[in-house]
């Protein structure tokens, strides 16, 4: 017996109605006909007008087709001015006799998860068939065939022992295979082809990949130093494609400075002025490199100089290199020399894994003998780090996150000195160091953003000294306190900040930040070694012709001291991009 399966399309004449709601009622044509899935299939029983009845009935049929009831149909409809009643016949359920691979490549089918047994005597499900087709199309689109098509071929409808079956095979038409010829940059953006090829993961000779190419605009938005002036274009030639990018340079290099006014300094008893200046050169040579210099003078007779160079995609490989040098001089007590050399493995999205070697040499200055809590030490750490960032706008994000985590282990050596007791001090030991930095930005309204942050680190070794520990406090870490006024062997700083965006680079904010920290050196000396300080305040950052100007006011409180307005902190800063 031959079965002819047709879908009934309705043309319903409708006129103007004074009613706001049109009721739709679906009744079985034969109430005795089995309908096992009737409770699973729903429809809208009230519609805004009669013109939507046809669409709703077709959607109802498609739900049955998707569950294998290919003979489902509406026999008739009865309509009046307020309602439509449709009489429905569910028909027989169809199962697969089998679905063969046809001309589809067996290896490709295996990669996308196709198995013959999944279609053997199983209920026909149009959604599964459609998903199979989409997986095949997606595979071929990402392997050089942008114009591939997939369909079911040689369909047969069979009846066996009262059960209806479908038999068919896959048919794949791949059409022409395309490879990437080149990426051409139109516009005044200064960017080397070798960088853009590696950054976008699209190189000459690569097979066309729809997935990779569709992400070009999103990837370009993540770059700080260029922007698209219009969407990219693809030109297909005989067997290759050329990709045209329309780019212009964006100000990303910056110079900024911060001045702080700290009243009632314990050191001088007078107003203390602190300062910081930073220079960051981004993509100056067109290869996505970074050169940064940071100078700070946050306490009397104390200075910190940091220099960083990062160079991505060495020799057109996914590897980059960086070197970070720090010189820190604390009063007349000691000086730190820190060199951190790393190799980055650059992932998609600009994220990266990093392997590093870090050497820290701490030396007591002339005239200062080695005694607790200070000592001259030399430490070499070997470690791994991971950086992940996805922000909609790097300089003032509305949504997204950034994460950096790093861990290292190595050897520490305390330099020999007769002032140290060898019976209580271990000259050689193993040191462990873990750091975490996390920021999350959540939009809560059109101009309102919540920033949740966490900054944590821990240092562990035997015979620790205060000049080895972390220095926290101040504008860059724990607002409301003097710069680097706390030393910790372990700490966690958490931040909750509310921002009201005025413009792209301008916003008002209020914040609360708190911390928990430990000082292992003080614990050994039976001194107070744990504290839970917190600070809060408000500020504004706004854009001017000279740059982005910021000012903030903050108060802080520690365990053994209350809030004192005379100890409030005021910070000024300006950022100039070029």
Protein backbone atom coordinates (compact mmCIF):
# COMPACT_ATOMS: atom_id res chain seq x y z
CA UNK A 1 0.00 0.00 0.00
CA UNK A 2 1.33 3.44 -0.89
CA UNK A 3 1.01 6.21 1.65
CA UNK A 4 0.78 9.81 0.61
CA UNK A 5 1.59 12.24 3.42
CA UNK A 6 0.57 15.84 2.94
CA UNK A 7 0.53 18.88 5.24
CA UNK A 8 -2.66 20.86 5.15
CA UNK A 9 -2.12 24.64 4.85
CA UNK A 10 -5.05 26.78 5.78
CA UNK A 11 -6.28 29.91 4.12
CA UNK A 12 -8.80 31.49 6.44
CA UNK A 13 -10.68 34.58 5.41
CA UNK A 14 -11.00 36.99 8.27
CA UNK A 15 -12.71 40.29 8.67
CA UNK A 16 -12.67 43.03 11.22
CA UNK A 17 -13.73 42.00 14.70
CA UNK A 18 -14.66 44.10 17.67
CA UNK A 19 -13.38 41.39 20.06
CA UNK A 20 -9.92 41.70 21.62
CA UNK A 21 -9.43 37.94 22.03
CA UNK A 22 -10.07 35.14 19.55
CA UNK A 23 -10.43 31.66 21.08
CA UNK A 24 -8.88 28.59 19.47
CA UNK A 25 -10.24 25.12 20.26
CA UNK A 26 -8.66 21.91 18.94
CA UNK A 27 -10.87 18.82 19.13
CA UNK A 28 -10.10 15.23 18.06
CA UNK A 29 -11.86 14.23 14.84
CA UNK A 30 -12.29 10.75 16.30
CA UNK A 31 -12.30 10.77 20.12
CA UNK A 32 -11.50 7.03 20.12
CA UNK A 33 -8.28 7.50 18.14
CA UNK A 34 -5.20 7.00 20.40
CA UNK A 35 -3.10 10.11 21.00
CA UNK A 36 -0.31 9.21 23.46
CA UNK A 37 1.35 12.64 23.42
CA UNK A 38 -1.70 14.90 23.54
CA UNK A 39 -0.79 16.10 27.04
CA UNK A 40 2.74 16.98 25.90
CA UNK A 41 1.63 19.16 22.98
CA UNK A 42 0.26 22.54 23.94
CA UNK A 43 -1.07 25.50 21.97
CA UNK A 44 -2.29 29.02 22.59
CA UNK A 45 -5.99 28.89 23.33
CA UNK A 46 -6.44 32.67 23.19
CA UNK A 47 -5.06 34.77 20.35
CA UNK A 48 -5.03 38.55 19.87
CA UNK A 49 -6.96 38.19 16.58
CA UNK A 50 -8.29 35.59 14.13
CA UNK A 51 -5.48 36.21 11.64
CA UNK A 52 -3.07 34.29 13.92
CA UNK A 53 -5.14 31.08 13.88
CA UNK A 54 -3.46 29.68 10.76
CA UNK A 55 0.04 30.18 12.20
CA UNK A 56 -0.88 28.53 15.50
CA UNK A 57 -2.42 25.48 13.76
CA UNK A 58 0.67 25.01 11.61
CA UNK A 59 2.90 25.22 14.71
CA UNK A 60 0.70 22.59 16.35
CA UNK A 61 1.16 20.23 13.37
CA UNK A 62 4.93 20.70 13.35
CA UNK A 63 5.11 19.56 16.98
CA UNK A 64 3.46 16.28 15.97
CA UNK A 65 5.69 15.90 12.90
CA UNK A 66 8.70 16.37 15.15
CA UNK A 67 7.52 13.45 17.30
CA UNK A 68 7.07 11.05 14.37
CA UNK A 69 3.37 11.61 13.60
CA UNK A 70 3.90 12.50 9.94
CA UNK A 71 0.27 11.78 8.98
CA UNK A 72 -1.15 14.23 11.51
CA UNK A 73 -3.62 16.68 9.92
CA UNK A 74 -6.60 18.91 10.47
CA UNK A 75 -9.76 17.62 8.84
CA UNK A 76 -11.89 20.75 9.06
CA UNK A 77 -12.45 23.99 10.96
CA UNK A 78 -15.53 25.78 12.16
CA UNK A 79 -15.32 29.48 12.82
CA UNK A 80 -17.49 32.23 14.15
CA UNK A 81 -16.68 35.81 15.09
CA UNK A 82 -15.24 34.92 18.51
CA UNK A 83 -13.64 31.49 18.08
CA UNK A 84 -12.28 28.82 15.76
CA UNK A 85 -12.72 25.08 16.34
CA UNK A 86 -10.31 22.78 14.47
CA UNK A 87 -10.84 19.00 14.22
CA UNK A 88 -7.57 17.10 14.42
CA UNK A 89 -6.50 13.59 13.39
CA UNK A 90 -3.24 12.35 14.88
CA UNK A 91 -2.62 9.54 12.36
CA UNK A 92 0.01 6.82 12.60
CA UNK A 93 3.41 7.19 14.19
CA UNK A 94 6.42 6.64 11.93
CA UNK A 95 9.69 4.99 12.86
CA UNK A 96 13.00 4.73 11.10
CA UNK A 97 13.59 1.53 9.17
CA UNK A 98 17.13 2.83 8.79
CA UNK A 99 19.06 5.95 7.85
CA UNK A 100 22.22 5.15 5.89
CA UNK A 101 25.19 7.45 5.40
CA UNK A 102 24.75 7.72 1.65
CA UNK A 103 27.67 9.68 0.19
CA UNK A 104 28.60 11.28 3.51
CA UNK A 105 32.15 10.61 4.67
CA UNK A 106 32.24 7.92 7.35
CA UNK A 107 35.04 9.62 9.27
CA UNK A 108 33.16 12.92 9.36
CA UNK A 109 29.98 11.19 10.55
CA UNK A 110 31.96 9.54 13.34
CA UNK A 111 33.35 12.92 14.45
CA UNK A 112 29.88 14.48 14.72
CA UNK A 113 28.48 11.47 16.63
CA UNK A 114 26.39 9.74 13.95
CA UNK A 115 25.61 6.06 14.57
CA UNK A 116 23.39 3.86 12.38
CA UNK A 117 21.81 2.19 15.40
CA UNK A 118 20.42 5.52 16.61
CA UNK A 119 18.08 5.44 13.59
CA UNK A 120 17.20 1.76 13.58
CA UNK A 121 13.56 1.10 14.57
CA UNK A 122 13.55 4.37 16.51
CA UNK A 123 10.73 6.92 16.40
CA UNK A 124 11.20 9.48 13.63
CA UNK A 125 12.14 12.81 15.15
CA UNK A 126 12.50 15.71 12.78
CA UNK A 127 14.45 17.75 15.36
CA UNK A 128 17.15 15.05 15.53
CA UNK A 129 17.36 14.88 11.74
CA UNK A 130 17.66 18.65 11.51
CA UNK A 131 20.40 18.64 14.16
CA UNK A 132 22.30 15.97 12.21
CA UNK A 133 22.10 18.07 9.07
CA UNK A 134 23.28 21.18 10.93
CA UNK A 135 26.24 19.30 12.45
CA UNK A 136 27.32 18.10 9.02
CA UNK A 137 26.97 21.57 7.53
CA UNK A 138 28.88 23.09 10.44
CA UNK A 139 31.72 20.59 10.05
CA UNK A 140 32.16 21.19 6.34
CA UNK A 141 31.78 24.99 6.71
CA UNK A 142 34.70 24.92 9.14
CA UNK A 143 36.81 22.70 6.86
CA UNK A 144 36.83 24.63 3.61
CA UNK A 145 33.30 24.22 2.21
CA UNK A 146 31.21 27.37 2.87
CA UNK A 147 28.52 26.41 0.34
CA UNK A 148 27.87 22.83 1.45
CA UNK A 149 24.31 21.47 1.47
CA UNK A 150 22.90 18.37 3.19
CA UNK A 151 19.54 16.70 2.57
CA UNK A 152 17.70 13.41 3.05
CA UNK A 153 17.57 11.39 -0.15
CA UNK A 154 15.86 8.26 -1.49
CA UNK A 155 13.06 8.41 1.07
CA UNK A 156 10.75 5.38 1.21
CA UNK A 157 7.64 4.87 3.32
CA UNK A 158 7.06 1.27 4.38
CA UNK A 159 4.40 -0.60 6.32
CA UNK A 160 5.19 -3.75 8.25
CA UNK A 161 2.85 -5.53 10.67
CA UNK A 162 0.78 -2.41 11.24
CA UNK A 163 3.84 -0.17 11.90
CA UNK A 164 4.84 2.65 9.57
CA UNK A 165 8.53 3.07 8.69
CA UNK A 166 10.76 5.53 6.85
CA UNK A 167 13.91 4.56 5.01
CA UNK A 168 16.42 7.07 3.66
CA UNK A 169 20.02 8.13 3.21
CA UNK A 170 22.12 11.24 3.63
CA UNK A 171 23.18 13.26 0.62
CA UNK A 172 26.04 15.78 0.96
CA UNK A 173 26.92 18.26 -1.77
CA UNK A 174 30.19 19.90 -0.74
CA UNK A 175 30.69 22.21 -3.74
CA UNK A 176 34.02 24.09 -4.09
CA UNK A 177 36.69 23.95 -1.37
CA UNK A 178 38.11 27.36 -0.41
CA UNK A 179 41.35 28.39 1.27
CA UNK A 180 42.42 31.71 2.75
CA UNK A 181 44.49 33.78 0.33
CA UNK A 182 45.23 36.78 2.56
CA UNK A 183 43.92 39.36 5.04
CA UNK A 184 44.07 42.90 3.68
CA UNK A 185 43.90 45.88 6.04
CA UNK A 186 42.18 48.99 4.71
CA UNK A 187 42.60 52.15 6.75
CA UNK A 188 45.31 53.91 8.71
CA UNK A 189 45.69 51.35 11.49
CA UNK A 190 49.31 50.52 12.26
CA UNK A 191 49.40 46.77 12.61
CA UNK A 192 51.74 44.18 11.11
CA UNK A 193 50.19 41.36 9.02
CA UNK A 194 52.12 38.76 11.03
CA UNK A 195 50.37 39.95 14.18
CA UNK A 196 46.84 40.01 12.73
CA UNK A 197 47.26 36.54 11.18
CA UNK A 198 48.31 35.05 14.50
CA UNK A 199 45.85 37.04 16.61
CA UNK A 200 42.83 36.05 14.49
CA UNK A 201 44.16 32.49 13.99
CA UNK A 202 43.65 32.89 10.24
CA UNK A 203 46.71 32.38 8.04
CA UNK A 204 47.25 32.17 4.27
CA UNK A 205 46.66 28.61 3.10
CA UNK A 206 44.26 27.76 5.93
CA UNK A 207 41.00 26.10 4.97
CA UNK A 208 38.01 28.41 5.13
CA UNK A 209 36.40 28.23 8.58
CA UNK A 210 33.03 29.85 9.10
CA UNK A 211 33.39 29.64 12.89
CA UNK A 212 36.73 31.45 12.94
CA UNK A 213 35.78 34.08 10.38
CA UNK A 214 32.45 34.85 12.08
CA UNK A 215 34.38 35.82 15.23
CA UNK A 216 36.62 38.39 13.53
CA UNK A 217 34.65 41.45 14.67
CA UNK A 218 34.40 40.18 18.26
CA UNK A 219 38.14 39.49 18.34
CA UNK A 220 38.96 42.94 16.97
CA UNK A 221 36.80 44.56 19.65
CA UNK A 222 39.07 42.99 22.27
CA UNK A 223 42.12 44.82 20.90
CA UNK A 224 42.94 48.05 22.70
CA UNK A 225 44.68 49.78 19.82
CA UNK A 226 42.40 49.38 16.74
CA UNK A 227 38.70 49.57 15.93
CA UNK A 228 36.60 48.58 12.94
CA UNK A 229 35.25 51.48 10.87
CA UNK A 230 32.85 49.13 9.09
CA UNK A 231 32.22 45.35 9.03
CA UNK A 232 34.82 43.15 7.37
CA UNK A 233 34.17 41.80 3.88
CA UNK A 234 34.96 38.46 2.22
CA UNK A 235 35.78 38.19 -1.49
CA UNK A 236 35.48 34.72 -3.04
CA UNK A 237 37.69 33.97 -6.02
CA UNK A 238 38.02 30.68 -7.92
CA UNK A 239 39.18 28.57 -4.95
CA UNK A 240 40.32 31.12 -2.36
CA UNK A 241 39.03 33.98 -0.24
CA UNK A 242 40.41 37.39 0.62
CA UNK A 243 39.34 39.04 3.86
CA UNK A 244 39.19 42.82 3.97
CA UNK A 245 39.44 44.54 7.38
CA UNK A 246 38.56 48.21 7.72
CA UNK A 247 40.53 49.45 10.70
CA UNK A 248 41.66 52.67 12.29
CA UNK A 249 44.03 53.25 15.18
CA UNK A 250 42.64 53.74 18.66
CA UNK A 251 44.39 55.58 21.49
CA UNK A 252 45.77 52.87 23.74
CA UNK A 253 49.14 54.11 24.98
CA UNK A 254 48.79 56.13 28.13
CA UNK A 255 50.57 58.29 30.63
CA UNK A 256 48.95 58.79 33.98
CA UNK A 257 49.84 60.06 37.40
CA UNK A 258 48.33 59.93 40.85
CA UNK A 259 48.94 62.25 43.78
CA UNK A 260 47.86 61.36 47.30
CA UNK A 261 47.50 63.53 50.37
CA UNK A 262 47.81 61.66 53.65
CA UNK A 263 47.29 63.81 56.77
CA UNK A 264 48.96 63.24 60.14
CA UNK A 265 51.74 61.00 58.90
CA UNK A 266 53.31 59.09 61.76
CA UNK A 267 56.71 59.61 60.19
CA UNK A 268 56.74 63.40 60.00
CA UNK A 269 53.58 64.46 61.79
CA UNK A 270 52.75 66.59 58.77
CA UNK A 271 50.81 66.28 55.55
CA UNK A 272 52.44 63.59 53.41
CA UNK A 273 52.28 63.87 49.63
CA UNK A 274 52.65 60.61 47.71
CA UNK A 275 52.90 60.10 43.96
CA UNK A 276 52.86 57.63 41.12
CA UNK A 277 53.60 57.97 37.39
CA UNK A 278 52.98 55.33 34.74
CA UNK A 279 53.88 55.18 31.07
CA UNK A 280 52.36 52.43 28.93
CA UNK A 281 53.23 52.12 25.22
CA UNK A 282 50.94 49.77 23.32
CA UNK A 283 51.59 48.58 19.74
CA UNK A 284 54.17 51.27 19.09
CA UNK A 285 55.89 49.04 16.51
CA UNK A 286 52.71 47.50 15.08
CA UNK A 287 53.20 44.03 16.57
CA UNK A 288 50.93 44.19 19.61
CA UNK A 289 53.86 44.65 21.99
CA UNK A 290 53.64 46.35 25.37
CA UNK A 291 56.27 48.52 27.05
CA UNK A 292 55.39 49.81 30.52
CA UNK A 293 57.27 51.84 33.13
CA UNK A 294 55.79 52.50 36.58
CA UNK A 295 57.38 54.72 39.24
CA UNK A 296 56.01 55.18 42.75
CA UNK A 297 57.02 57.16 45.79
CA UNK A 298 54.40 56.27 48.35
CA UNK A 299 56.28 56.73 51.62
CA UNK A 300 59.13 58.95 52.80
CA UNK A 301 62.49 57.87 51.34
CA UNK A 302 60.77 54.90 49.66
CA UNK A 303 60.62 54.37 45.90
CA UNK A 304 59.48 51.64 43.53
CA UNK A 305 60.45 51.37 39.85
CA UNK A 306 58.92 48.72 37.61
CA UNK A 307 59.61 48.05 33.91
CA UNK A 308 57.74 45.50 31.77
CA UNK A 309 58.15 44.39 28.15
CA UNK A 310 55.76 41.93 26.49
CA UNK A 311 56.17 40.67 22.93
CA UNK A 312 53.55 38.28 21.42
CA UNK A 313 53.74 35.72 18.59
CA UNK A 314 57.51 35.24 18.38
CA UNK A 315 58.54 33.98 14.91
CA UNK A 316 54.83 33.74 13.94
CA UNK A 317 54.29 31.11 16.64
CA UNK A 318 51.60 31.08 19.35
CA UNK A 319 54.31 31.85 21.91
CA UNK A 320 55.13 35.23 23.40
CA UNK A 321 57.77 36.43 25.84
CA UNK A 322 57.85 38.95 28.67
CA UNK A 323 60.33 40.31 31.16
CA UNK A 324 59.40 42.23 34.30
CA UNK A 325 61.99 44.08 36.36
CA UNK A 326 61.35 45.74 39.74
CA UNK A 327 63.62 47.86 41.90
CA UNK A 328 62.22 48.67 45.35
CA UNK A 329 64.02 50.72 47.99
CA UNK A 330 62.49 50.89 51.49
CA UNK A 331 63.72 53.88 53.46
CA UNK A 332 67.32 53.22 54.48
CA UNK A 333 66.64 49.61 55.46
CA UNK A 334 66.71 47.38 52.39
CA UNK A 335 66.47 47.17 48.62
CA UNK A 336 64.70 44.57 46.44
CA UNK A 337 65.82 43.51 42.96
CA UNK A 338 63.20 41.33 41.24
CA UNK A 339 63.48 39.84 37.74
CA UNK A 340 60.56 37.84 36.31
CA UNK A 341 61.05 36.21 32.88
CA UNK A 342 58.12 34.40 31.28
CA UNK A 343 57.05 32.52 28.15
CA UNK A 344 53.39 32.85 27.19
CA UNK A 345 51.32 30.36 25.21
CA UNK A 346 48.67 32.58 23.65
CA UNK A 347 45.15 31.17 23.50
CA UNK A 348 42.08 32.36 21.64
CA UNK A 349 40.62 35.62 22.85
CA UNK A 350 44.02 36.95 23.90
CA UNK A 351 44.09 34.70 26.96
CA UNK A 352 47.31 32.92 27.76
CA UNK A 353 49.17 30.36 29.83
CA UNK A 354 52.50 31.48 31.25
CA UNK A 355 55.59 29.66 32.50
CA UNK A 356 58.04 31.81 34.40
CA UNK A 357 61.26 32.03 36.39
CA UNK A 358 61.33 34.71 39.07
CA UNK A 359 64.39 35.77 40.99
CA UNK A 360 64.14 38.04 44.03
CA UNK A 361 67.24 39.38 45.72
CA UNK A 362 66.70 41.34 48.95
CA UNK A 363 69.67 43.16 50.42
CA UNK A 364 69.94 45.09 53.67
CA UNK A 365 71.57 48.44 53.16
CA UNK A 366 74.94 49.36 54.68
CA UNK A 367 74.82 49.89 58.38
CA UNK A 368 71.70 47.77 58.92
CA UNK A 369 72.53 44.46 60.54
CA UNK A 370 70.58 41.29 59.89
CA UNK A 371 68.10 40.73 62.66
CA UNK A 372 64.42 40.03 62.92
CA UNK A 373 62.28 41.12 61.23
CA UNK A 374 64.72 41.82 58.33
CA UNK A 375 67.34 39.76 56.51
CA UNK A 376 69.16 39.57 53.18
CA UNK A 377 67.71 36.71 51.12
CA UNK A 378 67.82 35.31 47.59
CA UNK A 379 64.88 33.37 46.13
CA UNK A 380 64.31 31.70 42.76
CA UNK A 381 60.78 30.57 41.91
CA UNK A 382 59.53 28.44 39.00
CA UNK A 383 55.84 28.64 38.23
CA UNK A 384 52.81 28.73 35.98
CA UNK A 385 50.13 31.38 35.47
CA UNK A 386 46.88 31.78 33.57
CA UNK A 387 45.27 34.98 32.32
CA UNK A 388 41.68 35.16 31.07
CA UNK A 389 39.80 38.33 30.16
CA UNK A 390 36.50 39.11 28.46
CA UNK A 391 35.40 42.73 28.85
CA UNK A 392 33.13 44.75 26.60
CA UNK A 393 35.31 47.87 27.04
CA UNK A 394 38.71 47.51 28.69
CA UNK A 395 39.03 51.05 30.05
CA UNK A 396 35.56 51.28 31.64
CA UNK A 397 33.72 47.94 31.40
CA UNK A 398 29.95 47.47 31.70
CA UNK A 399 30.03 43.71 31.64
CA UNK A 400 32.56 40.92 31.62
CA UNK A 401 35.35 39.58 33.77
CA UNK A 402 39.11 39.34 34.11
CA UNK A 403 41.05 36.65 35.96
CA UNK A 404 44.72 36.10 36.66
CA UNK A 405 46.04 33.25 38.78
CA UNK A 406 49.66 32.26 39.32
CA UNK A 407 51.61 29.82 41.44
CA UNK A 408 55.29 29.18 41.95
CA UNK A 409 57.66 27.08 44.01
CA UNK A 410 61.41 27.39 44.46
CA UNK A 411 64.41 27.72 46.70
CA UNK A 412 65.20 30.45 49.20
CA UNK A 413 68.60 31.12 50.70
CA UNK A 414 69.33 33.43 53.62
CA UNK A 415 72.68 35.11 53.27
CA UNK A 416 75.18 34.31 55.99
CA UNK A 417 75.52 36.87 58.76
CA UNK A 418 76.90 36.51 62.29
CA UNK A 419 73.90 38.45 63.67
CA UNK A 420 71.58 35.56 62.78
CA UNK A 421 71.31 32.54 65.05
CA UNK A 422 71.93 29.42 62.92
CA UNK A 423 70.13 27.26 65.49
CA UNK A 424 66.81 29.05 64.95
CA UNK A 425 67.14 30.13 61.32
CA UNK A 426 67.04 27.71 58.39
CA UNK A 427 69.43 29.13 55.82
CA UNK A 428 67.97 27.10 52.95
CA UNK A 429 64.28 26.29 52.52
CA UNK A 430 61.51 25.82 49.96
CA UNK A 431 59.22 28.76 49.22
CA UNK A 432 55.65 28.66 47.82
CA UNK A 433 53.81 31.61 46.30
CA UNK A 434 50.21 31.78 44.99
CA UNK A 435 48.37 34.87 43.71
CA UNK A 436 44.83 35.51 42.43
CA UNK A 437 43.24 38.61 40.90
CA UNK A 438 39.57 38.59 39.84
CA UNK A 439 37.19 41.32 38.67
CA UNK A 440 33.57 40.87 37.59
CA UNK A 441 31.43 43.63 36.05
CA UNK A 442 27.64 43.23 36.11
CA UNK A 443 25.27 45.72 34.44
CA UNK A 444 22.16 46.29 36.58
CA UNK A 445 20.63 49.10 34.49
CA UNK A 446 21.48 51.11 31.41
CA UNK A 447 24.03 53.29 33.24
CA UNK A 448 24.58 51.31 36.43
CA UNK A 449 27.32 48.72 36.93
CA UNK A 450 28.36 46.60 39.90
CA UNK A 451 32.04 45.68 40.18
CA UNK A 452 32.91 42.70 42.38
CA UNK A 453 36.61 42.10 42.92
CA UNK A 454 38.91 39.75 44.80
CA UNK A 455 42.68 39.96 45.22
CA UNK A 456 44.50 37.28 47.19
CA UNK A 457 48.00 35.95 47.72
CA UNK A 458 49.93 33.70 50.05
CA UNK A 459 53.64 33.20 50.72
CA UNK A 460 55.04 30.29 52.66
CA UNK A 461 58.55 29.30 53.69
CA UNK A 462 60.52 28.66 56.83
CA UNK A 463 62.23 31.55 58.61
CA UNK A 464 60.30 34.38 56.96
CA UNK A 465 61.19 38.08 57.24
CA UNK A 466 59.10 41.25 56.82
CA UNK A 467 61.06 42.54 53.86
CA UNK A 468 59.96 39.40 51.93
CA UNK A 469 56.23 39.88 52.55
CA UNK A 470 53.45 41.46 50.49
CA UNK A 471 52.79 45.16 50.95
CA UNK A 472 49.12 46.14 50.78
CA UNK A 473 47.03 49.24 51.36
CA UNK A 474 46.33 52.35 49.35
CA UNK A 475 44.73 53.33 46.05
CA UNK A 476 45.85 50.25 44.16
CA UNK A 477 44.78 47.62 46.68
CA UNK A 478 42.93 48.57 49.90
CA UNK A 479 41.49 52.08 49.68
CA UNK A 480 41.12 54.11 52.87
CA UNK A 481 44.62 53.33 54.17
CA UNK A 482 48.16 54.60 53.72
CA UNK A 483 50.02 53.24 50.71
CA UNK A 484 51.68 49.89 51.48
CA UNK A 485 51.09 50.42 55.18
CA UNK A 486 50.42 46.73 55.93
CA UNK A 487 52.71 43.76 55.41
CA UNK A 488 51.24 40.29 55.04
CA UNK A 489 52.31 36.73 54.42
CA UNK A 490 48.75 35.94 53.28
CA UNK A 491 45.83 38.20 52.43
CA UNK A 492 42.43 38.40 50.77
CA UNK A 493 41.03 41.75 49.62
CA UNK A 494 37.43 41.94 48.46
CA UNK A 495 35.78 44.89 46.73
CA UNK A 496 32.19 45.90 46.03
CA UNK A 497 31.82 49.01 43.88
CA UNK A 498 28.77 50.70 42.40
CA UNK A 499 29.32 52.80 39.30
CA UNK A 500 26.99 55.25 37.60
CA UNK A 501 28.23 55.78 34.05
CA UNK A 502 28.12 59.36 32.84
CA UNK A 503 29.87 58.75 29.51
CA UNK A 504 32.05 56.06 27.99
CA UNK A 505 35.07 57.16 30.06
CA UNK A 506 33.30 58.96 32.92
CA UNK A 507 31.53 57.64 36.00
CA UNK A 508 30.63 58.28 39.62
CA UNK A 509 31.27 55.53 42.13
CA UNK A 510 30.91 54.48 45.75
CA UNK A 511 32.80 51.51 47.14
CA UNK A 512 33.43 49.23 50.05
CA UNK A 513 36.57 47.14 50.34
CA UNK A 514 37.72 44.90 53.12
CA UNK A 515 40.52 42.48 53.80
CA UNK A 516 41.73 39.64 55.96
CA UNK A 517 45.49 39.32 56.32
CA UNK A 518 48.07 37.45 58.35
CA UNK A 519 51.67 38.27 59.19
CA UNK A 520 53.63 35.12 59.93
CA UNK A 521 56.70 37.07 61.13
CA UNK A 522 54.67 38.77 63.88
CA UNK A 523 53.08 35.48 64.86
CA UNK A 524 56.53 34.02 65.53
CA UNK A 525 57.30 37.06 67.71
CA UNK A 526 53.98 36.62 69.61
CA UNK A 527 52.67 39.93 68.33
CA UNK A 528 49.27 40.77 66.82
CA UNK A 529 49.47 39.01 63.47
CA UNK A 530 45.88 38.98 62.11
CA UNK A 531 43.70 41.93 61.11
CA UNK A 532 40.46 42.58 59.21
CA UNK A 533 40.63 46.18 57.96
CA UNK A 534 37.98 47.71 55.75
CA UNK A 535 37.50 50.98 53.92
CA UNK A 536 34.78 52.84 52.06
CA UNK A 537 34.39 56.01 50.09
CA UNK A 538 33.32 57.65 46.85
CA UNK A 539 34.81 59.29 43.82
CA UNK A 540 34.42 60.47 40.27
CA UNK A 541 36.34 59.82 37.07
CA UNK A 542 35.62 62.09 34.10
CA UNK A 543 37.09 62.77 30.68
CA UNK A 544 38.57 66.15 29.74
CA UNK A 545 40.60 67.36 26.77
CA UNK A 546 43.74 66.86 28.83
CA UNK A 547 42.82 63.28 29.75
CA UNK A 548 40.72 61.35 32.23
CA UNK A 549 40.78 63.05 35.63
CA UNK A 550 39.85 61.17 38.81
CA UNK A 551 39.42 62.10 42.46
CA UNK A 552 38.39 59.90 45.37
CA UNK A 553 37.80 60.23 49.10
CA UNK A 554 38.18 57.20 51.38
CA UNK A 555 38.05 56.27 55.05
CA UNK A 556 39.45 53.15 56.70
CA UNK A 557 39.15 51.24 59.93
CA UNK A 558 41.27 48.51 61.51
CA UNK A 559 40.69 46.14 64.39
CA UNK A 560 42.28 48.31 67.07
CA UNK A 561 41.34 51.75 65.74
CA UNK A 562 38.09 53.43 64.78
CA UNK A 563 37.26 55.66 61.85
CA UNK A 564 39.01 59.02 62.05
CA UNK A 565 38.07 61.71 59.54
CA UNK A 566 41.43 63.34 60.19
CA UNK A 567 43.03 60.22 58.65
CA UNK A 568 40.91 60.22 55.51
CA UNK A 569 42.63 59.67 52.17
CA UNK A 570 42.19 61.86 49.09
CA UNK A 571 43.60 60.72 45.76
CA UNK A 572 43.93 62.67 42.51
CA UNK A 573 44.85 61.12 39.19
CA UNK A 574 44.96 61.87 35.47
CA UNK A 575 45.22 59.45 32.54
CA UNK A 576 46.27 60.72 29.12
CA UNK A 577 45.94 58.33 26.15
CA UNK A 578 47.87 58.82 22.94
